[in-house]
Structure formats: structure tokens, C-alpha cells
Amino acid sequence: MNTKFLYILFFSLILLTNGVLFAQPDSSEKVNKNSLNFSPAFHNIQIDASVFFILLEYGGHIDFDLFQNNNNVCLGSRFGVEHYSKGDFGGAAAGSPYTNYNLYLRFSKISKYLSFNFLGGISYYTTDQPDYLPNKVLPRIGFEIKYGRIVGIILKGATSFNENNSFIGIGLSLDYCHIL
């Protein structure tokens, strides 16, 4: 390896750690609890199922935090899969069943028993009936409100601004969150 590169790396690490190791006590104690701090970490894993009349949704999600503050406000990402079965009183609705593979930017606020997630990102929509709505990448936004720690009641909704790919429902979730 190039010795010049090693010297630059070594002195950069010393400069970066100098502020942490040798900070004055009065400057290191004053931390704004509302500021988001860069602290990448695993946040949550969740399995859920929701229903609304004749619409069934179930899925699994993994959340990662990029930023977090001391008030349990988090900014991060979510990777998930959701499967939907829609129907009407005559049987399955057109385009159903379908599956969404989601990649979201996630804003979360978590308290002892209640959590809010606001989601925005992209979804890869797949169906067995591509002539109805072809398999494609769609923009997607959504929300979740959960009550409970490990087993909880969940109200969730999502849309890709297409009536055939929108959902709102209430159901159960089984999850683990590192903050609680």
C-alpha cells in the first residue's frame, strides 16, 4: 500500500477522534435531544396481516435506522413484501392477487406502546394477470399506526396513486423493535 495514503489515513483518524476523546466536559454534556444523530442500526422486524371487508393483506418487513434522536424519532429505510387478495361479492377482483416488493424511506415516532410510521418510496408490483395492470415499478406512500409491543393491533394503508393498488386495513402485527 502507498505509505502516503497510510499517513493521511492515520492523521485523519487522529483528527476525527480528537474531538471525541478530548472534548471539554461542558461541551460534551449539552446535547440537543431533538437533533437527529447519525447512528445506523437495525430497527425492527415485523410480520403483519390486515383485512378490510373483502380485502386481505399480509407481509413481512425489515427496518433499518440511519438517524435517531433521544425522543425515539427515527429516519431510516424499510424493505418489505406485501401480498394482497382483493375480492368483491362476485369473487376475486380484477388484478388480484398481487404482490408488492417495497423499498421505502421511513419516518418513525415510537413511544412505550404506540408507534407511527410514515413511508414513501418505490414498489415493484407483480400480478398473475399482467394484462390488467402490467408488472412494473410504481411510486408508493403509506402509513402505519401500531398499538402494542410484540403483538399489536395495526392500522395501515398504502397507495401507488392507482385505485387498484391502494389499501387500508386493520389487523394484527408480530414484531420486534430494538427501541422498546
N, C-alpha and C. Protein backbone atom coordinates (compact mmCIF):
# COMPACT_ATOMS: atom_id res chain seq x y z
N MET A 1 0.84 -1.18 0.00
CA MET A 1 0.00 0.00 0.00
C MET A 1 0.89 1.25 0.00
N ASN A 2 0.39 2.31 -0.50
CA ASN A 2 1.11 3.56 -0.59
C ASN A 2 1.28 4.16 0.81
N THR A 3 2.51 4.47 1.22
CA THR A 3 2.76 5.00 2.57
C THR A 3 2.16 6.38 2.75
N LYS A 4 2.10 7.17 1.68
CA LYS A 4 1.49 8.49 1.78
C LYS A 4 0.01 8.37 2.15
N PHE A 5 -0.68 7.41 1.54
CA PHE A 5 -2.08 7.16 1.85
C PHE A 5 -2.25 6.74 3.31
N LEU A 6 -1.35 5.89 3.81
CA LEU A 6 -1.43 5.45 5.20
C LEU A 6 -1.22 6.60 6.17
N TYR A 7 -0.28 7.51 5.88
CA TYR A 7 -0.07 8.68 6.73
C TYR A 7 -1.31 9.58 6.76
N ILE A 8 -1.91 9.80 5.59
CA ILE A 8 -3.11 10.64 5.53
C ILE A 8 -4.25 9.98 6.31
N LEU A 9 -4.42 8.69 6.15
CA LEU A 9 -5.46 7.96 6.89
C LEU A 9 -5.22 8.03 8.39
N PHE A 10 -3.99 7.83 8.82
CA PHE A 10 -3.64 7.85 10.25
C PHE A 10 -3.93 9.22 10.86
N PHE A 11 -3.47 10.30 10.22
CA PHE A 11 -3.69 11.64 10.77
C PHE A 11 -5.15 12.06 10.68
N SER A 12 -5.88 11.58 9.69
CA SER A 12 -7.31 11.87 9.61
C SER A 12 -8.05 11.22 10.78
N LEU A 13 -7.70 9.98 11.10
CA LEU A 13 -8.33 9.31 12.24
C LEU A 13 -8.01 10.03 13.55
N ILE A 14 -6.79 10.50 13.70
CA ILE A 14 -6.42 11.25 14.91
C ILE A 14 -7.25 12.52 15.01
N LEU A 15 -7.39 13.26 13.91
CA LEU A 15 -8.18 14.49 13.94
C LEU A 15 -9.65 14.22 14.23
N LEU A 16 -10.19 13.16 13.66
CA LEU A 16 -11.60 12.83 13.89
C LEU A 16 -11.86 12.40 15.33
N THR A 17 -10.99 11.61 15.91
CA THR A 17 -11.20 11.13 17.27
C THR A 17 -10.79 12.15 18.32
N ASN A 18 -10.01 13.15 17.95
CA ASN A 18 -9.55 14.14 18.91
C ASN A 18 -10.72 14.87 19.57
N GLY A 19 -11.73 15.23 18.78
CA GLY A 19 -12.89 15.93 19.34
C GLY A 19 -13.70 15.07 20.28
N VAL A 20 -13.73 13.77 20.06
CA VAL A 20 -14.49 12.88 20.91
C VAL A 20 -13.72 12.54 22.18
N LEU A 21 -12.45 12.22 22.05
CA LEU A 21 -11.66 11.78 23.21
C LEU A 21 -11.28 12.92 24.14
N PHE A 22 -11.06 14.10 23.60
CA PHE A 22 -10.57 15.19 24.42
C PHE A 22 -11.52 16.36 24.47
N ALA A 23 -12.82 16.11 24.36
CA ALA A 23 -13.81 17.18 24.42
C ALA A 23 -13.91 17.72 25.84
N GLN A 24 -14.14 19.00 25.97
CA GLN A 24 -14.32 19.59 27.28
C GLN A 24 -15.63 19.09 27.88
N PRO A 25 -15.66 18.86 29.19
CA PRO A 25 -16.86 18.30 29.80
C PRO A 25 -18.12 19.13 29.56
N ASP A 26 -18.01 20.45 29.60
CA ASP A 26 -19.19 21.26 29.43
C ASP A 26 -19.71 21.22 27.99
N SER A 27 -18.86 21.00 27.01
CA SER A 27 -19.33 20.96 25.63
C SER A 27 -19.91 19.61 25.27
N SER A 28 -19.48 18.52 25.91
CA SER A 28 -19.98 17.20 25.56
C SER A 28 -21.29 16.87 26.27
N GLU A 29 -21.64 17.58 27.33
CA GLU A 29 -22.87 17.29 28.07
C GLU A 29 -24.08 17.98 27.46
N LYS A 30 -23.89 19.05 26.73
CA LYS A 30 -25.01 19.79 26.15
C LYS A 30 -25.35 19.17 24.81
N VAL A 31 -26.30 18.25 24.84
CA VAL A 31 -26.75 17.59 23.62
C VAL A 31 -28.21 17.93 23.40
N ASN A 32 -28.54 18.34 22.21
CA ASN A 32 -29.91 18.66 21.87
C ASN A 32 -30.67 17.35 21.68
N LYS A 33 -31.69 17.09 22.51
CA LYS A 33 -32.44 15.84 22.43
C LYS A 33 -33.29 15.74 21.17
N ASN A 34 -33.55 16.87 20.51
CA ASN A 34 -34.37 16.86 19.31
C ASN A 34 -33.57 16.68 18.03
N SER A 35 -32.25 16.77 18.10
CA SER A 35 -31.45 16.65 16.88
C SER A 35 -31.30 15.18 16.50
N LEU A 36 -31.37 14.92 15.21
CA LEU A 36 -31.18 13.56 14.71
C LEU A 36 -29.69 13.29 14.60
N ASN A 37 -29.26 12.19 15.20
CA ASN A 37 -27.86 11.80 15.17
C ASN A 37 -27.69 10.62 14.24
N PHE A 38 -26.62 10.65 13.46
CA PHE A 38 -26.33 9.54 12.56
C PHE A 38 -25.92 8.34 13.40
N SER A 39 -26.77 7.32 13.42
CA SER A 39 -26.49 6.11 14.18
C SER A 39 -27.13 4.92 13.47
N PRO A 40 -26.51 4.44 12.40
CA PRO A 40 -27.09 3.32 11.66
C PRO A 40 -27.26 2.10 12.55
N ALA A 41 -28.44 1.48 12.49
CA ALA A 41 -28.72 0.32 13.34
C ALA A 41 -29.94 -0.42 12.82
N PHE A 42 -30.01 -1.69 13.16
CA PHE A 42 -31.22 -2.46 12.91
C PHE A 42 -32.33 -1.86 13.77
N HIS A 43 -33.52 -1.71 13.23
CA HIS A 43 -34.60 -1.09 13.97
C HIS A 43 -35.70 -2.09 14.33
N ASN A 44 -36.21 -2.83 13.34
CA ASN A 44 -37.44 -3.56 13.56
C ASN A 44 -37.57 -4.68 12.54
N ILE A 45 -38.21 -5.76 12.94
CA ILE A 45 -38.66 -6.79 12.01
C ILE A 45 -40.12 -7.03 12.33
N GLN A 46 -40.95 -7.17 11.29
CA GLN A 46 -42.39 -7.21 11.51
C GLN A 46 -43.06 -8.15 10.52
N ILE A 47 -44.02 -8.89 11.01
CA ILE A 47 -44.92 -9.69 10.19
C ILE A 47 -46.32 -9.22 10.53
N ASP A 48 -47.14 -8.94 9.51
CA ASP A 48 -48.47 -8.43 9.81
C ASP A 48 -49.49 -8.98 8.83
N ALA A 49 -50.73 -8.90 9.23
CA ALA A 49 -51.87 -9.26 8.38
C ALA A 49 -52.99 -8.29 8.69
N SER A 50 -53.63 -7.76 7.65
CA SER A 50 -54.69 -6.79 7.81
C SER A 50 -55.84 -7.16 6.89
N VAL A 51 -57.03 -6.73 7.28
CA VAL A 51 -58.21 -7.03 6.48
C VAL A 51 -59.11 -5.79 6.49
N PHE A 52 -59.81 -5.58 5.39
CA PHE A 52 -60.82 -4.53 5.30
C PHE A 52 -61.91 -5.07 4.38
N PHE A 53 -63.02 -5.42 4.94
CA PHE A 53 -64.14 -6.06 4.24
C PHE A 53 -63.66 -7.28 3.47
N ILE A 54 -63.50 -7.18 2.17
CA ILE A 54 -63.14 -8.33 1.35
C ILE A 54 -61.74 -8.16 0.74
N LEU A 55 -60.88 -7.54 1.51
CA LEU A 55 -59.50 -7.31 1.08
C LEU A 55 -58.58 -7.84 2.18
N LEU A 56 -57.65 -8.68 1.81
CA LEU A 56 -56.70 -9.26 2.76
C LEU A 56 -55.29 -8.87 2.35
N GLU A 57 -54.50 -8.44 3.31
CA GLU A 57 -53.09 -8.11 3.09
C GLU A 57 -52.26 -8.81 4.14
N TYR A 58 -51.15 -9.40 3.75
CA TYR A 58 -50.17 -9.91 4.71
C TYR A 58 -48.78 -9.67 4.16
N GLY A 59 -47.83 -9.50 5.07
CA GLY A 59 -46.48 -9.17 4.60
C GLY A 59 -45.45 -9.27 5.70
N GLY A 60 -44.23 -9.04 5.31
CA GLY A 60 -43.09 -9.01 6.22
C GLY A 60 -42.20 -7.84 5.87
N HIS A 61 -41.59 -7.23 6.90
CA HIS A 61 -40.80 -6.01 6.70
C HIS A 61 -39.58 -6.04 7.62
N ILE A 62 -38.51 -5.43 7.14
CA ILE A 62 -37.31 -5.23 7.95
C ILE A 62 -36.96 -3.75 7.86
N ASP A 63 -36.78 -3.11 9.02
CA ASP A 63 -36.48 -1.69 9.08
C ASP A 63 -35.06 -1.47 9.58
N PHE A 64 -34.41 -0.45 9.02
CA PHE A 64 -33.09 -0.03 9.46
C PHE A 64 -33.12 1.46 9.73
N ASP A 65 -32.48 1.89 10.82
CA ASP A 65 -32.37 3.31 11.15
C ASP A 65 -31.08 3.87 10.57
N LEU A 66 -31.16 5.09 10.06
CA LEU A 66 -29.97 5.83 9.70
C LEU A 66 -29.72 6.94 10.70
N PHE A 67 -30.81 7.59 11.14
CA PHE A 67 -30.73 8.67 12.11
C PHE A 67 -31.74 8.41 13.22
N GLN A 68 -31.37 8.84 14.44
CA GLN A 68 -32.25 8.66 15.59
C GLN A 68 -31.93 9.74 16.61
N ASN A 69 -32.95 10.16 17.37
CA ASN A 69 -32.68 11.09 18.46
C ASN A 69 -33.13 10.47 19.79
N ASN A 70 -32.94 11.20 20.87
CA ASN A 70 -33.24 10.68 22.21
C ASN A 70 -34.73 10.61 22.50
N ASN A 71 -35.57 11.17 21.63
CA ASN A 71 -37.02 11.12 21.80
C ASN A 71 -37.65 10.00 20.98
N ASN A 72 -36.86 9.04 20.53
CA ASN A 72 -37.31 7.88 19.74
C ASN A 72 -37.97 8.29 18.42
N VAL A 73 -37.42 9.31 17.79
CA VAL A 73 -37.78 9.66 16.43
C VAL A 73 -36.68 9.11 15.55
N CYS A 74 -37.07 8.38 14.49
CA CYS A 74 -36.10 7.70 13.64
C CYS A 74 -36.35 8.02 12.18
N LEU A 75 -35.28 8.07 11.43
CA LEU A 75 -35.34 8.20 9.99
C LEU A 75 -34.50 7.07 9.42
N GLY A 76 -35.11 6.27 8.55
CA GLY A 76 -34.39 5.11 8.05
C GLY A 76 -35.04 4.54 6.80
N SER A 77 -34.85 3.26 6.61
CA SER A 77 -35.37 2.58 5.42
C SER A 77 -36.15 1.35 5.82
N ARG A 78 -36.97 0.89 4.90
CA ARG A 78 -37.75 -0.34 5.09
C ARG A 78 -37.70 -1.15 3.80
N PHE A 79 -37.44 -2.42 3.96
CA PHE A 79 -37.53 -3.38 2.88
C PHE A 79 -38.68 -4.32 3.23
N GLY A 80 -39.59 -4.57 2.29
CA GLY A 80 -40.72 -5.40 2.64
C GLY A 80 -41.39 -6.03 1.44
N VAL A 81 -42.19 -7.03 1.75
CA VAL A 81 -43.01 -7.73 0.77
C VAL A 81 -44.43 -7.75 1.31
N GLU A 82 -45.40 -7.39 0.47
CA GLU A 82 -46.80 -7.42 0.86
C GLU A 82 -47.58 -8.16 -0.22
N HIS A 83 -48.46 -9.04 0.21
CA HIS A 83 -49.29 -9.80 -0.72
C HIS A 83 -50.75 -9.41 -0.47
N TYR A 84 -51.47 -9.12 -1.53
CA TYR A 84 -52.85 -8.65 -1.43
C TYR A 84 -53.78 -9.60 -2.17
N SER A 85 -54.93 -9.85 -1.58
CA SER A 85 -56.01 -10.58 -2.24
C SER A 85 -57.26 -9.72 -2.13
N LYS A 86 -57.72 -9.23 -3.26
CA LYS A 86 -58.92 -8.39 -3.30
C LYS A 86 -60.06 -9.18 -3.89
N GLY A 87 -61.24 -8.87 -3.44
CA GLY A 87 -62.41 -9.53 -3.98
C GLY A 87 -63.59 -8.59 -3.98
N ASP A 88 -64.66 -9.05 -4.54
CA ASP A 88 -65.94 -8.38 -4.42
C ASP A 88 -66.98 -9.48 -4.23
N PHE A 89 -68.21 -9.13 -4.23
CA PHE A 89 -69.22 -10.13 -3.91
C PHE A 89 -69.39 -11.18 -5.02
N GLY A 90 -68.74 -10.97 -6.16
CA GLY A 90 -68.79 -11.94 -7.24
C GLY A 90 -67.53 -12.80 -7.33
N GLY A 91 -66.56 -12.62 -6.42
CA GLY A 91 -65.32 -13.39 -6.45
C GLY A 91 -64.11 -12.47 -6.42
N ALA A 92 -63.00 -12.93 -6.98
CA ALA A 92 -61.76 -12.15 -6.97
C ALA A 92 -61.89 -10.93 -7.87
N ALA A 93 -61.32 -9.81 -7.41
CA ALA A 93 -61.34 -8.58 -8.19
C ALA A 93 -60.28 -8.67 -9.29
N ALA A 94 -60.46 -7.89 -10.34
CA ALA A 94 -59.51 -7.88 -11.45
C ALA A 94 -58.12 -7.49 -10.94
N GLY A 95 -57.10 -8.23 -11.37
CA GLY A 95 -55.72 -7.96 -10.97
C GLY A 95 -55.31 -8.64 -9.69
N SER A 96 -56.23 -9.28 -9.00
CA SER A 96 -55.94 -9.91 -7.71
C SER A 96 -55.68 -11.39 -7.93
N PRO A 97 -54.81 -11.99 -7.17
CA PRO A 97 -53.94 -11.43 -6.14
C PRO A 97 -52.70 -10.76 -6.75
N TYR A 98 -52.08 -9.89 -5.97
CA TYR A 98 -50.85 -9.26 -6.43
C TYR A 98 -49.89 -9.11 -5.26
N THR A 99 -48.62 -8.91 -5.60
CA THR A 99 -47.56 -8.80 -4.60
C THR A 99 -46.76 -7.54 -4.87
N ASN A 100 -46.42 -6.82 -3.81
CA ASN A 100 -45.56 -5.63 -3.90
C ASN A 100 -44.26 -5.89 -3.15
N TYR A 101 -43.15 -5.60 -3.80
CA TYR A 101 -41.83 -5.62 -3.19
C TYR A 101 -41.44 -4.17 -2.98
N ASN A 102 -41.35 -3.74 -1.72
CA ASN A 102 -41.23 -2.32 -1.40
C ASN A 102 -39.84 -1.94 -0.90
N LEU A 103 -39.43 -0.74 -1.28
CA LEU A 103 -38.24 -0.08 -0.73
C LEU A 103 -38.69 1.32 -0.34
N TYR A 104 -38.72 1.57 0.98
CA TYR A 104 -39.26 2.82 1.50
C TYR A 104 -38.20 3.62 2.25
N LEU A 105 -38.39 4.93 2.27
CA LEU A 105 -37.78 5.82 3.24
C LEU A 105 -38.80 5.91 4.37
N ARG A 106 -38.37 5.74 5.62
CA ARG A 106 -39.29 5.59 6.75
C ARG A 106 -39.01 6.65 7.80
N PHE A 107 -40.08 7.33 8.25
CA PHE A 107 -40.03 8.25 9.38
C PHE A 107 -40.86 7.63 10.49
N SER A 108 -40.27 7.44 11.67
CA SER A 108 -40.97 6.76 12.77
C SER A 108 -40.92 7.59 14.04
N LYS A 109 -41.98 7.50 14.80
CA LYS A 109 -42.05 8.03 16.16
C LYS A 109 -42.56 6.91 17.03
N ILE A 110 -41.82 6.58 18.08
CA ILE A 110 -42.14 5.43 18.90
C ILE A 110 -42.26 5.86 20.36
N SER A 111 -43.35 5.42 21.01
CA SER A 111 -43.50 5.60 22.45
C SER A 111 -43.56 4.22 23.07
N LYS A 112 -43.95 4.14 24.33
CA LYS A 112 -43.91 2.85 25.02
C LYS A 112 -44.79 1.80 24.36
N TYR A 113 -46.02 2.13 23.99
CA TYR A 113 -46.92 1.15 23.39
C TYR A 113 -47.43 1.55 22.00
N LEU A 114 -47.15 2.75 21.55
CA LEU A 114 -47.70 3.25 20.30
C LEU A 114 -46.57 3.65 19.36
N SER A 115 -46.70 3.30 18.08
CA SER A 115 -45.70 3.72 17.11
C SER A 115 -46.38 4.18 15.83
N PHE A 116 -45.78 5.19 15.20
CA PHE A 116 -46.25 5.75 13.94
C PHE A 116 -45.14 5.58 12.91
N ASN A 117 -45.48 5.10 11.73
CA ASN A 117 -44.53 5.01 10.62
C ASN A 117 -45.15 5.70 9.42
N PHE A 118 -44.40 6.61 8.82
CA PHE A 118 -44.80 7.24 7.56
C PHE A 118 -43.79 6.82 6.52
N LEU A 119 -44.27 6.32 5.38
CA LEU A 119 -43.42 5.65 4.40
C LEU A 119 -43.58 6.29 3.03
N GLY A 120 -42.48 6.35 2.30
CA GLY A 120 -42.52 6.82 0.92
C GLY A 120 -41.39 6.17 0.14
N GLY A 121 -41.67 5.70 -1.06
CA GLY A 121 -40.62 5.06 -1.83
C GLY A 121 -41.14 4.47 -3.12
N ILE A 122 -40.59 3.31 -3.46
CA ILE A 122 -40.98 2.63 -4.69
C ILE A 122 -41.41 1.20 -4.38
N SER A 123 -42.21 0.67 -5.29
CA SER A 123 -42.73 -0.68 -5.14
C SER A 123 -42.68 -1.37 -6.50
N TYR A 124 -42.23 -2.61 -6.49
CA TYR A 124 -42.31 -3.42 -7.70
C TYR A 124 -43.58 -4.24 -7.60
N TYR A 125 -44.56 -3.92 -8.44
CA TYR A 125 -45.88 -4.54 -8.43
C TYR A 125 -45.85 -5.75 -9.36
N THR A 126 -46.28 -6.91 -8.86
CA THR A 126 -46.36 -8.11 -9.69
C THR A 126 -47.74 -8.73 -9.52
N THR A 127 -48.24 -9.31 -10.61
CA THR A 127 -49.54 -9.98 -10.58
C THR A 127 -49.54 -11.14 -11.56
N ASP A 128 -50.46 -12.06 -11.35
CA ASP A 128 -50.63 -13.17 -12.28
C ASP A 128 -51.46 -12.75 -13.49
N GLN A 129 -52.00 -11.55 -13.46
CA GLN A 129 -52.82 -11.04 -14.56
C GLN A 129 -52.21 -9.76 -15.12
N PRO A 130 -51.05 -9.86 -15.81
CA PRO A 130 -50.36 -8.65 -16.27
C PRO A 130 -51.12 -7.84 -17.32
N ASP A 131 -52.14 -8.43 -17.97
CA ASP A 131 -52.93 -7.66 -18.92
C ASP A 131 -53.83 -6.65 -18.21
N TYR A 132 -54.11 -6.88 -16.93
CA TYR A 132 -54.93 -5.95 -16.15
C TYR A 132 -54.11 -4.73 -15.75
N LEU A 133 -53.00 -4.94 -15.10
CA LEU A 133 -52.03 -3.90 -14.76
C LEU A 133 -50.67 -4.58 -14.85
N PRO A 134 -49.86 -4.23 -15.82
CA PRO A 134 -48.60 -4.96 -16.02
C PRO A 134 -47.66 -4.84 -14.83
N ASN A 135 -46.81 -5.85 -14.68
CA ASN A 135 -45.77 -5.81 -13.64
C ASN A 135 -44.88 -4.61 -13.91
N LYS A 136 -44.72 -3.76 -12.89
CA LYS A 136 -43.89 -2.57 -13.08
C LYS A 136 -43.55 -1.93 -11.75
N VAL A 137 -42.61 -0.99 -11.80
CA VAL A 137 -42.20 -0.21 -10.63
C VAL A 137 -43.12 0.99 -10.50
N LEU A 138 -43.65 1.20 -9.29
CA LEU A 138 -44.59 2.29 -9.03
C LEU A 138 -44.12 3.10 -7.82
N PRO A 139 -44.39 4.41 -7.79
CA PRO A 139 -44.16 5.17 -6.56
C PRO A 139 -45.17 4.71 -5.51
N ARG A 140 -44.81 4.80 -4.24
CA ARG A 140 -45.73 4.31 -3.20
C ARG A 140 -45.53 5.11 -1.92
N ILE A 141 -46.63 5.46 -1.27
CA ILE A 141 -46.59 6.07 0.06
C ILE A 141 -47.51 5.26 0.97
N GLY A 142 -47.25 5.34 2.27
CA GLY A 142 -48.09 4.61 3.21
C GLY A 142 -47.90 5.09 4.64
N PHE A 143 -48.68 4.50 5.53
CA PHE A 143 -48.59 4.82 6.95
C PHE A 143 -48.91 3.56 7.75
N GLU A 144 -48.47 3.55 8.99
CA GLU A 144 -48.83 2.50 9.96
C GLU A 144 -48.96 3.14 11.33
N ILE A 145 -49.96 2.72 12.04
CA ILE A 145 -50.12 3.09 13.44
C ILE A 145 -50.30 1.78 14.19
N LYS A 146 -49.37 1.51 15.13
CA LYS A 146 -49.42 0.24 15.87
C LYS A 146 -49.58 0.51 17.35
N TYR A 147 -50.40 -0.32 17.98
CA TYR A 147 -50.54 -0.30 19.42
C TYR A 147 -50.15 -1.68 19.93
N GLY A 148 -49.15 -1.73 20.77
CA GLY A 148 -48.67 -2.99 21.32
C GLY A 148 -47.17 -3.11 21.14
N ARG A 149 -46.58 -3.97 21.92
CA ARG A 149 -45.12 -4.09 21.87
C ARG A 149 -44.68 -5.23 20.96
N ILE A 150 -44.99 -6.46 21.27
CA ILE A 150 -44.58 -7.59 20.44
C ILE A 150 -45.75 -8.02 19.56
N VAL A 151 -46.90 -8.24 20.17
CA VAL A 151 -48.12 -8.50 19.42
C VAL A 151 -48.95 -7.24 19.52
N GLY A 152 -49.38 -6.71 18.37
CA GLY A 152 -50.09 -5.45 18.42
C GLY A 152 -51.21 -5.37 17.41
N ILE A 153 -52.02 -4.36 17.60
CA ILE A 153 -53.08 -4.03 16.65
C ILE A 153 -52.50 -2.98 15.71
N ILE A 154 -52.71 -3.16 14.41
CA ILE A 154 -52.12 -2.26 13.43
C ILE A 154 -53.19 -1.71 12.50
N LEU A 155 -53.13 -0.41 12.26
CA LEU A 155 -53.92 0.25 11.24
C LEU A 155 -52.92 0.71 10.19
N LYS A 156 -53.11 0.27 8.96
CA LYS A 156 -52.15 0.61 7.92
C LYS A 156 -52.83 0.91 6.62
N GLY A 157 -52.14 1.67 5.81
CA GLY A 157 -52.65 2.00 4.49
C GLY A 157 -51.50 2.34 3.57
N ALA A 158 -51.71 2.13 2.27
CA ALA A 158 -50.70 2.45 1.27
C ALA A 158 -51.37 2.67 -0.07
N THR A 159 -50.73 3.47 -0.91
CA THR A 159 -51.24 3.70 -2.25
C THR A 159 -50.10 3.96 -3.22
N SER A 160 -50.33 3.58 -4.45
CA SER A 160 -49.44 3.92 -5.56
C SER A 160 -50.17 4.85 -6.51
N PHE A 161 -51.17 5.56 -6.00
CA PHE A 161 -51.99 6.50 -6.75
C PHE A 161 -52.72 5.80 -7.90
N ASN A 162 -53.10 4.56 -7.61
CA ASN A 162 -53.86 3.75 -8.56
C ASN A 162 -54.90 3.04 -7.70
N GLU A 163 -56.16 3.21 -8.01
CA GLU A 163 -57.22 2.66 -7.16
C GLU A 163 -57.12 1.15 -7.00
N ASN A 164 -56.54 0.46 -7.97
CA ASN A 164 -56.45 -0.99 -7.89
C ASN A 164 -55.24 -1.45 -7.08
N ASN A 165 -54.39 -0.53 -6.66
CA ASN A 165 -53.21 -0.88 -5.89
C ASN A 165 -53.17 -0.11 -4.58
N SER A 166 -54.31 0.34 -4.09
CA SER A 166 -54.40 1.08 -2.83
C SER A 166 -55.02 0.18 -1.77
N PHE A 167 -54.68 0.46 -0.52
CA PHE A 167 -55.13 -0.41 0.56
C PHE A 167 -55.21 0.37 1.86
N ILE A 168 -56.21 0.06 2.66
CA ILE A 168 -56.27 0.48 4.06
C ILE A 168 -56.93 -0.66 4.82
N GLY A 169 -56.40 -0.96 6.00
CA GLY A 169 -56.96 -2.07 6.76
C GLY A 169 -56.51 -2.05 8.20
N ILE A 170 -57.13 -2.90 8.99
CA ILE A 170 -56.78 -3.05 10.40
C ILE A 170 -56.51 -4.53 10.64
N GLY A 171 -55.52 -4.81 11.47
CA GLY A 171 -55.17 -6.20 11.70
C GLY A 171 -54.23 -6.38 12.87
N LEU A 172 -53.45 -7.44 12.80
CA LEU A 172 -52.51 -7.79 13.86
C LEU A 172 -51.09 -7.75 13.33
N SER A 173 -50.15 -7.42 14.20
CA SER A 173 -48.74 -7.46 13.83
C SER A 173 -47.96 -8.20 14.91
N LEU A 174 -46.95 -8.86 14.47
CA LEU A 174 -46.00 -9.55 15.34
C LEU A 174 -44.65 -8.97 15.01
N ASP A 175 -44.03 -8.28 15.98
CA ASP A 175 -42.77 -7.61 15.62
C ASP A 175 -41.83 -7.50 16.82
N TYR A 176 -40.59 -7.22 16.47
CA TYR A 176 -39.55 -6.94 17.45
C TYR A 176 -38.94 -5.59 17.09
N CYS A 177 -38.89 -4.69 18.06
CA CYS A 177 -38.28 -3.37 17.86
C CYS A 177 -37.20 -3.19 18.91
N HIS A 178 -36.01 -2.83 18.49
CA HIS A 178 -34.88 -2.70 19.43
C HIS A 178 -35.03 -1.54 20.38
N ILE A 179 -35.89 -0.57 20.08
CA ILE A 179 -36.02 0.61 20.93
C ILE A 179 -36.86 0.31 22.17
N LEU A 180 -37.85 -0.57 22.04
CA LEU A 180 -38.76 -0.82 23.16
C LEU A 180 -38.18 -1.76 24.18
